[in-house]
Amino acid sequence: MGWILPEWLVAFALTLFVVDIFVSTEVLSWCGVVSLSMWLTWRVHANWKWDALVFVGSFVLFAFAYYWGVRATIGRLVKNWVQKGAPK
């Protein structure tokens, strides 16, 4: 039973990221990043001090990867493909 919650955290985070593409709010993005960080922290199984360090480190890493990679890519795709023929 203990393995079910971490897998749901990943599914929850991915769902939030997909919904965030269409809704475009910052709250969904941050909740997804926190969920992924909790998932990674849950997988480490260390002392609580190390868990806190893993959570903070993974939070920074996932936030950087999301905003630098995904947001920039989605923004370019929308700008170049969807809004290509749109009037200004």
Protein backbone atom coordinates (compact mmCIF):
# COMPACT_ATOMS: atom_id res chain seq x y z
CA MET A 1 0.00 0.00 0.00
CA GLY A 2 2.90 2.36 0.62
CA TRP A 3 3.96 2.42 -3.03
CA ILE A 4 0.64 3.71 -4.34
CA LEU A 5 0.90 7.31 -3.10
CA PRO A 6 4.20 8.16 -4.82
CA GLU A 7 2.92 6.88 -8.14
CA TRP A 8 -0.21 8.98 -7.77
CA LEU A 9 1.95 12.03 -7.08
CA VAL A 10 3.64 11.60 -10.46
CA ALA A 11 0.31 11.12 -12.22
CA PHE A 12 -1.10 14.16 -10.41
CA ALA A 13 1.90 16.30 -11.39
CA LEU A 14 1.76 15.28 -15.04
CA THR A 15 -1.97 15.97 -15.13
CA LEU A 16 -1.41 19.42 -13.67
CA PHE A 17 1.28 20.17 -16.25
CA VAL A 18 -0.99 19.15 -19.11
CA VAL A 19 -3.92 21.18 -17.75
CA ASP A 20 -1.56 24.12 -17.23
CA ILE A 21 -0.87 24.22 -20.97
CA PHE A 22 -4.52 25.01 -21.63
CA VAL A 23 -5.39 27.05 -18.54
CA SER A 24 -2.02 28.83 -18.10
CA THR A 25 -1.95 29.60 -14.39
CA GLU A 26 1.09 29.60 -12.15
CA VAL A 27 -0.70 27.75 -9.34
CA LEU A 28 -0.98 24.54 -11.33
CA SER A 29 2.68 24.69 -12.32
CA TRP A 30 3.86 25.15 -8.75
CA CYS A 31 1.59 22.37 -7.47
CA GLY A 32 3.03 20.05 -10.12
CA VAL A 33 6.61 20.95 -9.18
CA VAL A 34 5.85 20.41 -5.48
CA SER A 35 4.24 17.03 -6.27
CA LEU A 36 7.29 15.87 -8.22
CA SER A 37 9.58 17.04 -5.42
CA MET A 38 7.50 15.15 -2.86
CA TRP A 39 7.68 12.05 -5.06
CA LEU A 40 11.47 12.19 -5.28
CA THR A 41 11.78 12.85 -1.55
CA TRP A 42 9.52 9.88 -0.83
CA ARG A 43 11.78 7.65 -2.96
CA VAL A 44 14.98 8.57 -1.07
CA HIS A 45 14.00 7.11 2.34
CA ALA A 46 16.62 9.02 4.34
CA ASN A 47 16.78 10.91 7.60
CA TRP A 48 14.42 13.89 7.82
CA LYS A 49 17.32 16.36 7.41
CA TRP A 50 18.36 14.70 4.18
CA ASP A 51 14.75 14.53 3.09
CA ALA A 52 14.47 18.29 3.53
CA LEU A 53 17.64 18.81 1.49
CA VAL A 54 16.44 16.45 -1.24
CA PHE A 55 13.08 18.22 -1.35
CA VAL A 56 14.61 21.69 -1.69
CA GLY A 57 17.16 20.53 -4.26
CA SER A 58 14.63 18.67 -6.35
CA PHE A 59 12.19 21.57 -6.11
CA VAL A 60 14.80 23.94 -7.54
CA LEU A 61 15.78 21.41 -10.20
CA PHE A 62 12.20 20.63 -11.29
CA ALA A 63 11.20 24.31 -11.26
CA PHE A 64 14.21 25.22 -13.39
CA ALA A 65 13.58 22.37 -15.81
CA TYR A 66 9.89 23.19 -16.10
CA TYR A 67 10.19 26.92 -16.59
CA TRP A 68 13.29 26.83 -18.76
CA GLY A 69 12.40 23.79 -20.82
CA VAL A 70 8.67 23.32 -20.97
CA ARG A 71 7.44 26.90 -20.69
CA ALA A 72 9.93 28.20 -23.26
CA THR A 73 9.11 25.38 -25.68
CA ILE A 74 5.34 25.72 -25.31
CA GLY A 75 5.61 29.50 -25.62
CA ARG A 76 7.59 29.23 -28.86
CA LEU A 77 5.21 26.63 -30.28
CA VAL A 78 2.15 28.74 -29.54
CA LYS A 79 3.78 31.86 -30.92
CA ASN A 80 5.10 30.24 -34.11
CA TRP A 81 2.31 27.80 -34.97
CA VAL A 82 -0.94 28.84 -33.34
CA GLN A 83 -0.60 32.60 -33.64
CA LYS A 84 1.16 32.59 -37.01
CA GLY A 85 -1.68 34.03 -39.07
CA ALA A 86 -3.48 35.85 -36.26
CA PRO A 87 -4.11 39.58 -36.63
CA LYS A 88 -2.30 41.86 -34.23
